[in-house]
Amino acid sequence: MRVENRVPGGDVNPYLAVAGMIAAGIDGIEKKMTLEPRFDGNAYALETDRVPNTLQMARDLWVNSAWAKEAFGERVHKHYTHMVDTDLAQFNKAVTDFELIRGFERY
C-alpha cells in the first residue's frame, strides 16, 4: 500500500486539516482507490483541475461536497459554511485602496 500526504499551508486550521486527511485516507482505503503515478516536473504547467484560488471558489466546492458533509457531519459542515459566509460578507463590504484609486481615475 502506498500513502501520499500533502502538507497544507501554515494558515490552515490544523484540526480540520488532520480530520480531513484522516477521512480522505479512510475513504480511499474503503473505496480501494489507487494513486496516480508519481509526477516529476512542473505541476503548474499541467492542464488539470486546480485548487481553488479564492475563498468564494473554495466555499462553493465545500457547500456542494456530499463527501465533506458525510466526512465532517452536517453540523460541522454548516458551522464552517456559516463562518465562511460571514467572512465573505465582511470582505465584500470592504472598499479596497485599488477601488478608491481606480474610482478617482475614472471621474
N, C-alpha and C. Protein backbone atom coordinates (compact mmCIF):
# COMPACT_ATOMS: atom_id res chain seq x y z
N MET A 1 0.85 -1.17 0.00
CA MET A 1 0.00 0.00 0.00
C MET A 1 0.90 1.24 0.00
N ARG A 2 0.54 2.22 -0.81
CA ARG A 2 1.27 3.49 -0.84
C ARG A 2 0.35 4.58 -0.33
N VAL A 3 0.85 5.41 0.54
CA VAL A 3 0.07 6.52 1.09
C VAL A 3 0.77 7.81 0.72
N GLU A 4 -0.01 8.79 0.31
CA GLU A 4 0.56 10.09 -0.04
C GLU A 4 -0.16 11.16 0.77
N ASN A 5 0.61 12.06 1.35
CA ASN A 5 0.03 13.14 2.15
C ASN A 5 0.72 14.44 1.78
N ARG A 6 -0.07 15.44 1.44
CA ARG A 6 0.48 16.76 1.12
C ARG A 6 0.30 17.66 2.32
N VAL A 7 1.36 18.30 2.75
CA VAL A 7 1.30 19.19 3.90
C VAL A 7 0.58 20.47 3.49
N PRO A 8 -0.46 20.86 4.23
CA PRO A 8 -1.19 22.09 3.89
C PRO A 8 -0.40 23.33 4.31
N GLY A 9 -0.91 24.49 3.96
CA GLY A 9 -0.27 25.76 4.31
C GLY A 9 -0.31 26.03 5.80
N GLY A 10 0.49 26.99 6.21
CA GLY A 10 0.57 27.35 7.62
C GLY A 10 -0.67 28.05 8.14
N ASP A 11 -1.55 28.47 7.24
CA ASP A 11 -2.76 29.19 7.65
C ASP A 11 -3.96 28.27 7.84
N VAL A 12 -3.75 26.97 7.71
CA VAL A 12 -4.84 26.02 7.80
C VAL A 12 -5.24 25.78 9.26
N ASN A 13 -6.51 25.47 9.47
CA ASN A 13 -6.97 25.04 10.78
C ASN A 13 -6.44 23.61 10.96
N PRO A 14 -5.51 23.39 11.90
CA PRO A 14 -4.88 22.06 12.00
C PRO A 14 -5.87 20.94 12.32
N TYR A 15 -6.88 21.23 13.11
CA TYR A 15 -7.85 20.20 13.48
C TYR A 15 -8.68 19.79 12.26
N LEU A 16 -9.12 20.78 11.50
CA LEU A 16 -9.90 20.50 10.30
C LEU A 16 -9.04 19.78 9.26
N ALA A 17 -7.79 20.21 9.11
CA ALA A 17 -6.90 19.60 8.13
C ALA A 17 -6.61 18.14 8.46
N VAL A 18 -6.27 17.86 9.71
CA VAL A 18 -5.96 16.48 10.09
C VAL A 18 -7.21 15.61 9.98
N ALA A 19 -8.35 16.13 10.41
CA ALA A 19 -9.60 15.37 10.28
C ALA A 19 -9.90 15.07 8.82
N GLY A 20 -9.67 16.05 7.96
CA GLY A 20 -9.90 15.85 6.53
C GLY A 20 -8.96 14.82 5.93
N MET A 21 -7.69 14.87 6.34
CA MET A 21 -6.71 13.90 5.83
C MET A 21 -7.06 12.48 6.28
N ILE A 22 -7.47 12.34 7.53
CA ILE A 22 -7.84 11.01 8.03
C ILE A 22 -9.08 10.51 7.31
N ALA A 23 -10.09 11.38 7.18
CA ALA A 23 -11.33 10.99 6.49
C ALA A 23 -11.06 10.62 5.04
N ALA A 24 -10.21 11.40 4.37
CA ALA A 24 -9.88 11.11 2.96
C ALA A 24 -9.13 9.78 2.85
N GLY A 25 -8.22 9.53 3.79
CA GLY A 25 -7.48 8.27 3.79
C GLY A 25 -8.39 7.08 3.98
N ILE A 26 -9.29 7.18 4.93
CA ILE A 26 -10.25 6.09 5.18
C ILE A 26 -11.13 5.88 3.95
N ASP A 27 -11.60 6.98 3.36
CA ASP A 27 -12.45 6.90 2.17
C ASP A 27 -11.71 6.20 1.03
N GLY A 28 -10.44 6.57 0.84
CA GLY A 28 -9.65 5.95 -0.22
C GLY A 28 -9.42 4.47 0.00
N ILE A 29 -9.18 4.09 1.25
CA ILE A 29 -8.97 2.67 1.57
C ILE A 29 -10.26 1.89 1.36
N GLU A 30 -11.39 2.44 1.87
CA GLU A 30 -12.67 1.75 1.73
C GLU A 30 -13.08 1.59 0.27
N LYS A 31 -12.77 2.58 -0.56
CA LYS A 31 -13.14 2.52 -1.99
C LYS A 31 -12.05 1.86 -2.84
N LYS A 32 -10.98 1.41 -2.17
CA LYS A 32 -9.86 0.77 -2.85
C LYS A 32 -9.34 1.63 -4.00
N MET A 33 -9.19 2.91 -3.72
CA MET A 33 -8.69 3.85 -4.73
C MET A 33 -7.19 3.63 -4.94
N THR A 34 -6.74 3.93 -6.13
CA THR A 34 -5.31 3.86 -6.42
C THR A 34 -4.80 5.28 -6.68
N LEU A 35 -3.56 5.52 -6.30
CA LEU A 35 -2.97 6.83 -6.53
C LEU A 35 -2.47 6.94 -7.96
N GLU A 36 -2.47 8.16 -8.45
CA GLU A 36 -1.87 8.42 -9.75
C GLU A 36 -0.37 8.16 -9.64
N PRO A 37 0.28 7.89 -10.76
CA PRO A 37 1.73 7.72 -10.70
C PRO A 37 2.41 9.00 -10.22
N ARG A 38 3.56 8.84 -9.61
CA ARG A 38 4.33 9.99 -9.14
C ARG A 38 4.63 10.91 -10.32
N PHE A 39 4.55 12.21 -10.08
CA PHE A 39 4.81 13.19 -11.14
C PHE A 39 6.11 13.91 -10.86
N ASP A 40 6.96 13.97 -11.85
CA ASP A 40 8.19 14.75 -11.77
C ASP A 40 8.10 15.84 -12.82
N GLY A 41 8.29 17.08 -12.41
CA GLY A 41 8.23 18.17 -13.37
C GLY A 41 7.50 19.37 -12.80
N ASN A 42 7.08 20.26 -13.67
CA ASN A 42 6.39 21.48 -13.28
C ASN A 42 4.89 21.24 -13.26
N ALA A 43 4.32 21.05 -12.09
CA ALA A 43 2.89 20.78 -11.96
C ALA A 43 2.04 21.95 -12.42
N TYR A 44 2.59 23.16 -12.36
CA TYR A 44 1.84 24.34 -12.78
C TYR A 44 1.61 24.35 -14.29
N ALA A 45 2.40 23.60 -15.04
CA ALA A 45 2.26 23.57 -16.50
C ALA A 45 1.21 22.55 -16.95
N LEU A 46 0.71 21.75 -16.05
CA LEU A 46 -0.28 20.72 -16.40
C LEU A 46 -1.65 21.33 -16.65
N GLU A 47 -2.38 20.72 -17.56
CA GLU A 47 -3.79 21.07 -17.78
C GLU A 47 -4.61 20.11 -16.93
N THR A 48 -4.93 20.53 -15.72
CA THR A 48 -5.66 19.66 -14.80
C THR A 48 -6.46 20.53 -13.83
N ASP A 49 -7.29 19.90 -13.02
CA ASP A 49 -8.06 20.64 -12.03
C ASP A 49 -7.10 21.35 -11.09
N ARG A 50 -7.50 22.52 -10.66
CA ARG A 50 -6.67 23.33 -9.78
C ARG A 50 -7.33 23.48 -8.41
N VAL A 51 -6.50 23.74 -7.43
CA VAL A 51 -7.00 24.08 -6.10
C VAL A 51 -7.67 25.45 -6.22
N PRO A 52 -8.81 25.66 -5.57
CA PRO A 52 -9.46 26.97 -5.68
C PRO A 52 -8.53 28.08 -5.22
N ASN A 53 -8.57 29.22 -5.92
CA ASN A 53 -7.67 30.31 -5.55
C ASN A 53 -8.40 31.51 -4.96
N THR A 54 -9.68 31.35 -4.67
CA THR A 54 -10.40 32.38 -3.92
C THR A 54 -11.22 31.70 -2.83
N LEU A 55 -11.54 32.46 -1.81
CA LEU A 55 -12.37 31.92 -0.74
C LEU A 55 -13.75 31.56 -1.27
N GLN A 56 -14.28 32.36 -2.19
CA GLN A 56 -15.60 32.08 -2.77
C GLN A 56 -15.60 30.74 -3.51
N MET A 57 -14.56 30.50 -4.29
CA MET A 57 -14.47 29.23 -5.02
C MET A 57 -14.37 28.04 -4.05
N ALA A 58 -13.56 28.19 -3.01
CA ALA A 58 -13.41 27.12 -2.02
C ALA A 58 -14.72 26.89 -1.29
N ARG A 59 -15.41 27.97 -0.96
CA ARG A 59 -16.70 27.88 -0.27
C ARG A 59 -17.72 27.11 -1.12
N ASP A 60 -17.77 27.43 -2.42
CA ASP A 60 -18.73 26.77 -3.30
C ASP A 60 -18.45 25.27 -3.40
N LEU A 61 -17.18 24.90 -3.49
CA LEU A 61 -16.84 23.48 -3.51
C LEU A 61 -17.22 22.79 -2.21
N TRP A 62 -16.94 23.45 -1.08
CA TRP A 62 -17.26 22.91 0.24
C TRP A 62 -18.77 22.70 0.40
N VAL A 63 -19.55 23.72 0.05
CA VAL A 63 -21.00 23.66 0.22
C VAL A 63 -21.61 22.54 -0.61
N ASN A 64 -21.09 22.33 -1.81
CA ASN A 64 -21.66 21.34 -2.72
C ASN A 64 -21.02 19.96 -2.61
N SER A 65 -20.18 19.77 -1.61
CA SER A 65 -19.48 18.50 -1.46
C SER A 65 -20.25 17.54 -0.55
N ALA A 66 -20.83 16.52 -1.17
CA ALA A 66 -21.51 15.49 -0.38
C ALA A 66 -20.50 14.76 0.50
N TRP A 67 -19.27 14.60 -0.02
CA TRP A 67 -18.22 13.94 0.75
C TRP A 67 -17.91 14.71 2.03
N ALA A 68 -17.79 16.03 1.94
CA ALA A 68 -17.48 16.85 3.12
C ALA A 68 -18.60 16.75 4.15
N LYS A 69 -19.84 16.76 3.68
CA LYS A 69 -20.97 16.65 4.60
C LYS A 69 -20.94 15.32 5.34
N GLU A 70 -20.61 14.26 4.61
CA GLU A 70 -20.56 12.94 5.24
C GLU A 70 -19.35 12.81 6.16
N ALA A 71 -18.20 13.28 5.71
CA ALA A 71 -16.96 13.12 6.47
C ALA A 71 -16.96 13.92 7.76
N PHE A 72 -17.46 15.15 7.71
CA PHE A 72 -17.41 16.04 8.87
C PHE A 72 -18.72 16.08 9.65
N GLY A 73 -19.78 15.60 9.05
CA GLY A 73 -21.08 15.66 9.68
C GLY A 73 -21.79 16.96 9.32
N GLU A 74 -23.09 16.89 9.29
CA GLU A 74 -23.92 18.03 8.88
C GLU A 74 -23.68 19.26 9.76
N ARG A 75 -23.56 19.04 11.06
CA ARG A 75 -23.40 20.16 11.99
C ARG A 75 -22.09 20.93 11.75
N VAL A 76 -20.99 20.22 11.63
CA VAL A 76 -19.69 20.85 11.38
C VAL A 76 -19.69 21.51 10.00
N HIS A 77 -20.26 20.83 9.02
CA HIS A 77 -20.34 21.37 7.67
C HIS A 77 -21.09 22.71 7.68
N LYS A 78 -22.21 22.76 8.35
CA LYS A 78 -22.99 24.01 8.42
C LYS A 78 -22.23 25.09 9.18
N HIS A 79 -21.53 24.71 10.25
CA HIS A 79 -20.77 25.67 11.04
C HIS A 79 -19.70 26.36 10.18
N TYR A 80 -18.91 25.57 9.46
CA TYR A 80 -17.86 26.16 8.63
C TYR A 80 -18.44 26.94 7.46
N THR A 81 -19.56 26.50 6.93
CA THR A 81 -20.22 27.26 5.86
C THR A 81 -20.64 28.62 6.39
N HIS A 82 -21.24 28.66 7.56
CA HIS A 82 -21.66 29.93 8.16
C HIS A 82 -20.46 30.83 8.44
N MET A 83 -19.38 30.25 8.94
CA MET A 83 -18.18 31.03 9.24
C MET A 83 -17.63 31.68 7.97
N VAL A 84 -17.53 30.91 6.90
CA VAL A 84 -17.01 31.45 5.64
C VAL A 84 -17.97 32.48 5.05
N ASP A 85 -19.27 32.23 5.13
CA ASP A 85 -20.24 33.20 4.62
C ASP A 85 -20.11 34.53 5.36
N THR A 86 -19.87 34.47 6.66
CA THR A 86 -19.68 35.69 7.45
C THR A 86 -18.41 36.42 7.01
N ASP A 87 -17.32 35.68 6.83
CA ASP A 87 -16.07 36.28 6.35
C ASP A 87 -16.24 36.90 4.97
N LEU A 88 -16.91 36.19 4.07
CA LEU A 88 -17.10 36.71 2.72
C LEU A 88 -17.96 37.97 2.72
N ALA A 89 -18.99 38.00 3.56
CA ALA A 89 -19.84 39.19 3.64
C ALA A 89 -19.03 40.40 4.09
N GLN A 90 -18.18 40.22 5.08
CA GLN A 90 -17.32 41.31 5.55
C GLN A 90 -16.32 41.72 4.47
N PHE A 91 -15.73 40.76 3.82
CA PHE A 91 -14.76 41.04 2.76
C PHE A 91 -15.41 41.81 1.62
N ASN A 92 -16.60 41.40 1.23
CA ASN A 92 -17.28 42.04 0.10
C ASN A 92 -17.76 43.45 0.42
N LYS A 93 -17.91 43.78 1.69
CA LYS A 93 -18.29 45.14 2.09
C LYS A 93 -17.11 46.10 2.06
N ALA A 94 -15.92 45.57 2.18
CA ALA A 94 -14.73 46.42 2.28
C ALA A 94 -14.42 47.07 0.93
N VAL A 95 -14.04 48.34 0.99
CA VAL A 95 -13.61 49.07 -0.20
C VAL A 95 -12.08 49.09 -0.16
N THR A 96 -11.47 48.54 -1.20
CA THR A 96 -10.02 48.44 -1.21
C THR A 96 -9.38 49.74 -1.72
N ASP A 97 -8.10 49.90 -1.44
CA ASP A 97 -7.36 51.05 -1.97
C ASP A 97 -7.43 51.08 -3.49
N PHE A 98 -7.33 49.92 -4.11
CA PHE A 98 -7.41 49.85 -5.57
C PHE A 98 -8.72 50.44 -6.06
N GLU A 99 -9.83 50.06 -5.42
CA GLU A 99 -11.14 50.57 -5.85
C GLU A 99 -11.23 52.08 -5.67
N LEU A 100 -10.70 52.59 -4.58
CA LEU A 100 -10.72 54.04 -4.35
C LEU A 100 -9.89 54.77 -5.40
N ILE A 101 -8.68 54.30 -5.63
CA ILE A 101 -7.80 54.94 -6.61
C ILE A 101 -8.39 54.84 -8.00
N ARG A 102 -8.85 53.66 -8.36
CA ARG A 102 -9.41 53.45 -9.70
C ARG A 102 -10.66 54.28 -9.91
N GLY A 103 -11.48 54.42 -8.88
CA GLY A 103 -12.69 55.25 -8.99
C GLY A 103 -12.35 56.70 -9.25
N PHE A 104 -11.33 57.22 -8.58
CA PHE A 104 -10.92 58.61 -8.80
C PHE A 104 -10.29 58.80 -10.18
N GLU A 105 -9.62 57.78 -10.69
CA GLU A 105 -9.01 57.88 -12.01
C GLU A 105 -10.05 58.01 -13.11
N ARG A 106 -11.20 57.41 -12.91
CA ARG A 106 -12.23 57.39 -13.94
C ARG A 106 -13.02 58.69 -14.00
N TYR A 107 -13.12 59.41 -12.92
CA TYR A 107 -14.01 60.59 -12.90
C TYR A 107 -13.24 61.86 -12.75
